[in-house]
Amino acid sequence: MTNSDLKEKVQKVISDHKTGILSTVENNKPHSRYMTFYNDELTLYTPTKRDTEKIGEIEKNPNVSVLLGYEKKGQTDSYVEISGTTAVNDSTQLKQQYWEESFNQWFNGPDDPNYIFLEIKPETVRIMNLNGEPSQELNL
């Protein structure tokens, strides 16, 4: 499979699955939590509050891991493992673009200064369980 084909398959998994697991590093150990993800090609965005512990964790260590994909029983579902770095992005355009009414339970609208995004730039993406094939890796 070419890199272009692999990238397309990865983008499909990422685009089809909004809920995944974000792992940051806390005291040299993984700290994982479920998050909602949006994407622009392979760059991921996840909304969060500015005053959460994950912000402190990424300020100390910007390396993160993301899992997206599993459904149903999971045994044959394609999923991706993404390793990359993250930074805070509080652009007004991004906040407007991805605003959902369900966010009202955490934020006072898209202009809330506590409403920000983590922007995740992948470095390595592994796609697993792709039509019974062995895992494949995309290095960026």
N, C-alpha and C. Protein backbone atom coordinates (compact mmCIF):
# COMPACT_ATOMS: atom_id res chain seq x y z
N MET A 1 0.85 -1.17 0.00
CA MET A 1 0.00 0.00 0.00
C MET A 1 0.89 1.24 0.00
N THR A 2 0.58 2.19 -0.84
CA THR A 2 1.38 3.41 -0.92
C THR A 2 1.09 4.30 0.30
N ASN A 3 1.99 5.25 0.56
CA ASN A 3 1.79 6.19 1.66
C ASN A 3 0.50 6.99 1.46
N SER A 4 0.21 7.32 0.21
CA SER A 4 -1.01 8.07 -0.11
C SER A 4 -2.25 7.25 0.23
N ASP A 5 -2.25 5.96 -0.13
CA ASP A 5 -3.37 5.08 0.19
C ASP A 5 -3.52 4.92 1.70
N LEU A 6 -2.39 4.74 2.37
CA LEU A 6 -2.40 4.56 3.81
C LEU A 6 -2.94 5.82 4.51
N LYS A 7 -2.48 6.97 4.05
CA LYS A 7 -2.96 8.24 4.62
C LYS A 7 -4.47 8.37 4.44
N GLU A 8 -4.98 7.99 3.29
CA GLU A 8 -6.42 8.05 3.02
C GLU A 8 -7.20 7.13 3.97
N LYS A 9 -6.69 5.93 4.20
CA LYS A 9 -7.35 4.98 5.11
C LYS A 9 -7.34 5.51 6.54
N VAL A 10 -6.21 6.10 6.94
CA VAL A 10 -6.10 6.67 8.29
C VAL A 10 -7.10 7.81 8.44
N GLN A 11 -7.16 8.70 7.45
CA GLN A 11 -8.09 9.83 7.50
C GLN A 11 -9.53 9.35 7.60
N LYS A 12 -9.87 8.25 6.94
CA LYS A 12 -11.23 7.73 7.02
C LYS A 12 -11.56 7.29 8.45
N VAL A 13 -10.65 6.56 9.08
CA VAL A 13 -10.88 6.13 10.47
C VAL A 13 -11.02 7.35 11.37
N ILE A 14 -10.12 8.32 11.22
CA ILE A 14 -10.15 9.52 12.06
C ILE A 14 -11.45 10.29 11.84
N SER A 15 -11.86 10.45 10.60
CA SER A 15 -13.07 11.22 10.29
C SER A 15 -14.35 10.52 10.75
N ASP A 16 -14.33 9.19 10.76
CA ASP A 16 -15.53 8.42 11.11
C ASP A 16 -15.72 8.23 12.61
N HIS A 17 -14.73 8.61 13.42
CA HIS A 17 -14.79 8.36 14.87
C HIS A 17 -14.44 9.63 15.62
N LYS A 18 -15.43 10.18 16.32
CA LYS A 18 -15.20 11.41 17.06
C LYS A 18 -14.71 11.17 18.48
N THR A 19 -15.06 10.04 19.05
CA THR A 19 -14.68 9.76 20.43
C THR A 19 -13.47 8.84 20.46
N GLY A 20 -12.48 9.24 21.25
CA GLY A 20 -11.28 8.43 21.37
C GLY A 20 -10.60 8.69 22.70
N ILE A 21 -9.41 8.16 22.84
CA ILE A 21 -8.66 8.28 24.08
C ILE A 21 -7.42 9.13 23.84
N LEU A 22 -7.27 10.15 24.67
CA LEU A 22 -6.09 11.00 24.66
C LEU A 22 -5.26 10.63 25.88
N SER A 23 -3.98 10.35 25.67
CA SER A 23 -3.07 10.07 26.78
C SER A 23 -1.99 11.14 26.80
N THR A 24 -1.85 11.78 27.96
CA THR A 24 -0.78 12.73 28.20
C THR A 24 0.20 12.05 29.15
N VAL A 25 1.23 12.79 29.56
CA VAL A 25 2.21 12.26 30.50
C VAL A 25 2.10 13.05 31.80
N GLU A 26 1.93 12.31 32.90
CA GLU A 26 1.87 12.93 34.22
C GLU A 26 2.81 12.17 35.14
N ASN A 27 3.80 12.85 35.67
CA ASN A 27 4.80 12.20 36.53
C ASN A 27 5.43 10.98 35.86
N ASN A 28 5.77 11.13 34.59
CA ASN A 28 6.41 10.07 33.80
C ASN A 28 5.52 8.85 33.57
N LYS A 29 4.21 8.99 33.74
CA LYS A 29 3.28 7.89 33.52
C LYS A 29 2.15 8.37 32.62
N PRO A 30 1.57 7.44 31.84
CA PRO A 30 0.44 7.85 30.99
C PRO A 30 -0.77 8.25 31.82
N HIS A 31 -1.47 9.26 31.36
CA HIS A 31 -2.73 9.69 31.96
C HIS A 31 -3.74 9.78 30.82
N SER A 32 -4.71 8.86 30.80
CA SER A 32 -5.63 8.74 29.67
C SER A 32 -7.03 9.19 30.05
N ARG A 33 -7.71 9.74 29.03
CA ARG A 33 -9.11 10.13 29.21
C ARG A 33 -9.79 10.14 27.85
N TYR A 34 -11.12 9.92 27.88
CA TYR A 34 -11.91 10.01 26.65
C TYR A 34 -12.08 11.47 26.27
N MET A 35 -11.98 11.73 24.96
CA MET A 35 -12.14 13.08 24.44
C MET A 35 -12.91 13.01 23.12
N THR A 36 -13.40 14.15 22.69
CA THR A 36 -14.03 14.29 21.38
C THR A 36 -12.99 14.89 20.43
N PHE A 37 -12.88 14.30 19.25
CA PHE A 37 -11.86 14.74 18.29
C PHE A 37 -12.50 15.21 16.99
N TYR A 38 -11.91 16.25 16.43
CA TYR A 38 -12.22 16.75 15.10
C TYR A 38 -10.90 16.70 14.34
N ASN A 39 -10.98 16.72 13.02
CA ASN A 39 -9.73 16.67 12.28
C ASN A 39 -9.76 17.54 11.03
N ASP A 40 -8.57 17.97 10.66
CA ASP A 40 -8.30 18.62 9.39
C ASP A 40 -7.17 17.80 8.80
N GLU A 41 -7.51 16.92 7.87
CA GLU A 41 -6.61 15.89 7.37
C GLU A 41 -6.12 15.09 8.56
N LEU A 42 -4.82 15.07 8.85
CA LEU A 42 -4.32 14.25 9.96
C LEU A 42 -4.12 15.04 11.25
N THR A 43 -4.30 16.35 11.22
CA THR A 43 -4.21 17.15 12.44
C THR A 43 -5.51 17.00 13.21
N LEU A 44 -5.38 16.69 14.50
CA LEU A 44 -6.54 16.50 15.36
C LEU A 44 -6.74 17.72 16.26
N TYR A 45 -8.01 17.98 16.58
CA TYR A 45 -8.37 19.04 17.50
C TYR A 45 -9.34 18.45 18.51
N THR A 46 -9.11 18.76 19.79
CA THR A 46 -10.02 18.30 20.83
C THR A 46 -10.32 19.46 21.77
N PRO A 47 -11.61 19.75 22.01
CA PRO A 47 -11.96 20.86 22.89
C PRO A 47 -11.70 20.51 24.35
N THR A 48 -11.32 21.52 25.10
CA THR A 48 -11.09 21.33 26.52
C THR A 48 -11.19 22.67 27.23
N LYS A 49 -11.17 22.61 28.54
CA LYS A 49 -11.12 23.83 29.34
C LYS A 49 -9.67 24.24 29.54
N ARG A 50 -9.46 25.53 29.56
CA ARG A 50 -8.12 26.07 29.76
C ARG A 50 -7.58 25.71 31.15
N ASP A 51 -8.48 25.57 32.12
CA ASP A 51 -8.04 25.36 33.51
C ASP A 51 -8.08 23.88 33.94
N THR A 52 -7.82 22.95 33.02
CA THR A 52 -7.80 21.54 33.39
C THR A 52 -6.36 21.07 33.61
N GLU A 53 -6.24 19.95 34.31
CA GLU A 53 -4.91 19.41 34.60
C GLU A 53 -4.17 18.99 33.34
N LYS A 54 -4.89 18.61 32.27
CA LYS A 54 -4.18 18.19 31.06
C LYS A 54 -3.37 19.33 30.44
N ILE A 55 -3.81 20.57 30.66
CA ILE A 55 -3.05 21.71 30.14
C ILE A 55 -1.69 21.80 30.85
N GLY A 56 -1.68 21.63 32.14
CA GLY A 56 -0.42 21.61 32.88
C GLY A 56 0.47 20.45 32.45
N GLU A 57 -0.14 19.32 32.20
CA GLU A 57 0.63 18.14 31.76
C GLU A 57 1.31 18.39 30.41
N ILE A 58 0.57 18.98 29.45
CA ILE A 58 1.19 19.19 28.13
C ILE A 58 2.18 20.34 28.15
N GLU A 59 2.03 21.28 29.08
CA GLU A 59 3.03 22.34 29.21
C GLU A 59 4.36 21.74 29.67
N LYS A 60 4.30 20.72 30.50
CA LYS A 60 5.51 20.04 30.97
C LYS A 60 6.04 19.05 29.95
N ASN A 61 5.13 18.41 29.21
CA ASN A 61 5.53 17.39 28.23
C ASN A 61 4.47 17.35 27.13
N PRO A 62 4.75 17.89 25.95
CA PRO A 62 3.75 17.97 24.89
C PRO A 62 3.50 16.66 24.13
N ASN A 63 4.19 15.58 24.49
CA ASN A 63 4.00 14.31 23.80
C ASN A 63 2.69 13.66 24.22
N VAL A 64 1.91 13.24 23.23
CA VAL A 64 0.62 12.61 23.50
C VAL A 64 0.43 11.38 22.62
N SER A 65 -0.55 10.59 23.01
CA SER A 65 -0.97 9.44 22.22
C SER A 65 -2.49 9.50 22.12
N VAL A 66 -3.01 9.13 20.95
CA VAL A 66 -4.46 9.12 20.73
C VAL A 66 -4.84 7.78 20.12
N LEU A 67 -5.93 7.19 20.59
CA LEU A 67 -6.53 6.00 20.01
C LEU A 67 -7.90 6.36 19.49
N LEU A 68 -8.17 6.04 18.25
CA LEU A 68 -9.47 6.29 17.63
C LEU A 68 -9.87 5.08 16.79
N GLY A 69 -11.13 4.68 16.90
CA GLY A 69 -11.62 3.68 15.96
C GLY A 69 -12.50 2.59 16.49
N TYR A 70 -12.08 1.89 17.49
CA TYR A 70 -12.81 0.70 17.93
C TYR A 70 -14.31 0.92 18.04
N GLU A 71 -15.09 -0.06 17.62
CA GLU A 71 -16.54 -0.08 17.76
C GLU A 71 -16.96 -1.50 18.07
N LYS A 72 -18.22 -1.69 18.30
CA LYS A 72 -18.79 -3.02 18.45
C LYS A 72 -17.93 -3.88 19.37
N LYS A 73 -17.55 -5.06 18.90
CA LYS A 73 -16.75 -5.95 19.73
C LYS A 73 -15.27 -5.65 19.65
N GLY A 74 -14.85 -4.88 18.67
CA GLY A 74 -13.48 -4.44 18.58
C GLY A 74 -12.50 -5.42 17.98
N GLN A 75 -12.88 -6.66 17.83
CA GLN A 75 -11.91 -7.66 17.39
C GLN A 75 -11.46 -7.48 15.95
N THR A 76 -12.31 -6.96 15.11
CA THR A 76 -11.94 -6.79 13.70
C THR A 76 -12.08 -5.34 13.24
N ASP A 77 -12.37 -4.43 14.15
CA ASP A 77 -12.55 -3.02 13.78
C ASP A 77 -11.21 -2.35 13.53
N SER A 78 -11.13 -1.58 12.46
CA SER A 78 -9.92 -0.80 12.20
C SER A 78 -9.83 0.32 13.23
N TYR A 79 -8.61 0.60 13.67
CA TYR A 79 -8.39 1.72 14.57
C TYR A 79 -6.99 2.27 14.33
N VAL A 80 -6.76 3.47 14.85
CA VAL A 80 -5.46 4.10 14.69
C VAL A 80 -4.86 4.42 16.05
N GLU A 81 -3.55 4.30 16.09
CA GLU A 81 -2.75 4.73 17.23
C GLU A 81 -1.89 5.88 16.72
N ILE A 82 -2.05 7.04 17.34
CA ILE A 82 -1.36 8.24 16.89
C ILE A 82 -0.42 8.71 17.99
N SER A 83 0.83 8.92 17.65
CA SER A 83 1.80 9.54 18.55
C SER A 83 2.17 10.88 17.96
N GLY A 84 2.16 11.89 18.81
CA GLY A 84 2.50 13.21 18.30
C GLY A 84 2.70 14.20 19.42
N THR A 85 2.66 15.47 19.06
CA THR A 85 2.80 16.53 20.05
C THR A 85 1.56 17.43 19.99
N THR A 86 1.32 18.09 21.08
CA THR A 86 0.13 18.94 21.16
C THR A 86 0.48 20.31 21.71
N ALA A 87 -0.36 21.26 21.37
CA ALA A 87 -0.24 22.63 21.88
C ALA A 87 -1.64 23.22 21.97
N VAL A 88 -1.78 24.24 22.79
CA VAL A 88 -3.07 24.93 22.92
C VAL A 88 -3.32 25.77 21.68
N ASN A 89 -4.56 25.73 21.20
CA ASN A 89 -4.99 26.58 20.09
C ASN A 89 -6.30 27.22 20.52
N ASP A 90 -6.32 28.53 20.62
CA ASP A 90 -7.56 29.22 21.03
C ASP A 90 -8.07 30.16 19.95
N SER A 91 -7.86 29.77 18.68
CA SER A 91 -8.31 30.63 17.58
C SER A 91 -9.83 30.73 17.55
N THR A 92 -10.30 31.93 17.32
CA THR A 92 -11.74 32.18 17.23
C THR A 92 -12.36 31.36 16.12
N GLN A 93 -11.69 31.25 15.00
CA GLN A 93 -12.21 30.50 13.85
C GLN A 93 -12.44 29.04 14.23
N LEU A 94 -11.49 28.43 14.90
CA LEU A 94 -11.60 27.03 15.32
C LEU A 94 -12.74 26.85 16.32
N LYS A 95 -12.85 27.78 17.26
CA LYS A 95 -13.90 27.70 18.28
C LYS A 95 -15.29 27.82 17.66
N GLN A 96 -15.42 28.66 16.66
CA GLN A 96 -16.70 28.80 15.95
C GLN A 96 -16.99 27.56 15.10
N GLN A 97 -15.97 27.10 14.40
CA GLN A 97 -16.13 25.98 13.47
C GLN A 97 -16.63 24.71 14.16
N TYR A 98 -16.10 24.42 15.34
CA TYR A 98 -16.42 23.14 15.99
C TYR A 98 -17.39 23.27 17.16
N TRP A 99 -17.93 24.47 17.39
CA TRP A 99 -18.87 24.65 18.50
C TRP A 99 -20.09 23.74 18.33
N GLU A 100 -20.48 23.09 19.41
CA GLU A 100 -21.70 22.28 19.44
C GLU A 100 -22.52 22.72 20.65
N GLU A 101 -23.82 22.68 20.50
CA GLU A 101 -24.70 23.11 21.59
C GLU A 101 -24.47 22.30 22.87
N SER A 102 -24.05 21.05 22.73
CA SER A 102 -23.80 20.23 23.92
C SER A 102 -22.65 20.80 24.78
N PHE A 103 -21.82 21.67 24.21
CA PHE A 103 -20.72 22.27 24.96
C PHE A 103 -21.22 23.28 25.99
N ASN A 104 -22.50 23.69 25.89
CA ASN A 104 -23.06 24.67 26.82
C ASN A 104 -22.99 24.20 28.27
N GLN A 105 -22.89 22.89 28.49
CA GLN A 105 -22.80 22.41 29.86
C GLN A 105 -21.43 22.71 30.49
N TRP A 106 -20.43 23.04 29.66
CA TRP A 106 -19.10 23.34 30.17
C TRP A 106 -18.65 24.78 29.90
N PHE A 107 -19.21 25.38 28.85
CA PHE A 107 -18.74 26.70 28.42
C PHE A 107 -19.91 27.67 28.24
N ASN A 108 -19.61 28.96 28.34
CA ASN A 108 -20.61 30.01 28.12
C ASN A 108 -20.54 30.49 26.68
N GLY A 109 -20.67 29.56 25.75
CA GLY A 109 -20.66 29.91 24.34
C GLY A 109 -19.27 29.83 23.73
N PRO A 110 -19.20 29.98 22.40
CA PRO A 110 -17.93 29.85 21.70
C PRO A 110 -16.92 30.96 22.01
N ASP A 111 -17.36 32.02 22.65
CA ASP A 111 -16.44 33.11 22.99
C ASP A 111 -15.90 33.00 24.42
N ASP A 112 -16.30 31.96 25.14
CA ASP A 112 -15.83 31.73 26.50
C ASP A 112 -14.30 31.60 26.49
N PRO A 113 -13.58 32.42 27.26
CA PRO A 113 -12.11 32.36 27.25
C PRO A 113 -11.56 31.04 27.79
N ASN A 114 -12.37 30.27 28.51
CA ASN A 114 -11.93 28.98 29.03
C ASN A 114 -12.08 27.86 27.99
N TYR A 115 -12.76 28.15 26.89
CA TYR A 115 -12.98 27.18 25.80
C TYR A 115 -11.80 27.27 24.83
N ILE A 116 -11.03 26.20 24.78
CA ILE A 116 -9.85 26.15 23.92
C ILE A 116 -9.78 24.77 23.26
N PHE A 117 -8.82 24.61 22.38
CA PHE A 117 -8.58 23.32 21.74
C PHE A 117 -7.14 22.89 21.97
N LEU A 118 -6.96 21.60 22.03
CA LEU A 118 -5.63 21.03 21.91
C LEU A 118 -5.47 20.67 20.44
N GLU A 119 -4.39 21.11 19.84
CA GLU A 119 -4.09 20.79 18.44
C GLU A 119 -2.99 19.73 18.46
N ILE A 120 -3.30 18.58 17.90
CA ILE A 120 -2.38 17.45 17.93
C ILE A 120 -1.80 17.22 16.54
N LYS A 121 -0.49 17.36 16.47
CA LYS A 121 0.24 17.13 15.22
C LYS A 121 0.85 15.73 15.28
N PRO A 122 0.36 14.81 14.46
CA PRO A 122 0.89 13.44 14.50
C PRO A 122 2.31 13.37 13.96
N GLU A 123 3.08 12.49 14.57
CA GLU A 123 4.42 12.17 14.08
C GLU A 123 4.45 10.76 13.50
N THR A 124 3.74 9.86 14.18
CA THR A 124 3.63 8.48 13.73
C THR A 124 2.19 8.03 13.89
N VAL A 125 1.66 7.38 12.86
CA VAL A 125 0.30 6.85 12.92
C VAL A 125 0.36 5.38 12.53
N ARG A 126 -0.18 4.53 13.38
CA ARG A 126 -0.28 3.11 13.05
C ARG A 126 -1.76 2.79 12.86
N ILE A 127 -2.06 2.10 11.77
CA ILE A 127 -3.43 1.66 11.54
C ILE A 127 -3.44 0.15 11.76
N MET A 128 -4.41 -0.28 12.54
CA MET A 128 -4.50 -1.68 12.96
C MET A 128 -5.80 -2.29 12.44
N ASN A 129 -5.79 -3.62 12.28
CA ASN A 129 -6.98 -4.38 11.89
C ASN A 129 -7.58 -3.91 10.58
N LEU A 130 -6.76 -3.55 9.64
CA LEU A 130 -7.24 -3.09 8.34
C LEU A 130 -7.41 -4.29 7.43
N ASN A 131 -8.64 -4.77 7.33
CA ASN A 131 -8.97 -5.91 6.46
C ASN A 131 -8.11 -7.13 6.73
N GLY A 132 -7.80 -7.37 8.00
CA GLY A 132 -7.02 -8.55 8.36
C GLY A 132 -5.54 -8.43 8.07
N GLU A 133 -5.08 -7.28 7.59
CA GLU A 133 -3.67 -7.08 7.28
C GLU A 133 -2.90 -6.76 8.56
N PRO A 134 -1.58 -6.98 8.55
CA PRO A 134 -0.78 -6.56 9.71
C PRO A 134 -0.82 -5.05 9.85
N SER A 135 -0.48 -4.57 11.04
CA SER A 135 -0.47 -3.11 11.26
C SER A 135 0.46 -2.44 10.26
N GLN A 136 0.12 -1.21 9.92
CA GLN A 136 0.94 -0.43 8.99
C GLN A 136 1.21 0.92 9.63
N GLU A 137 2.39 1.47 9.36
CA GLU A 137 2.81 2.69 10.01
C GLU A 137 3.04 3.79 9.00
N LEU A 138 2.57 4.97 9.35
CA LEU A 138 2.75 6.16 8.54
C LEU A 138 3.58 7.14 9.36
N ASN A 139 4.78 7.45 8.90
CA ASN A 139 5.64 8.40 9.60
C ASN A 139 5.54 9.75 8.90
N LEU A 140 5.35 10.78 9.70
CA LEU A 140 5.14 12.12 9.14
C LEU A 140 6.29 13.04 9.50
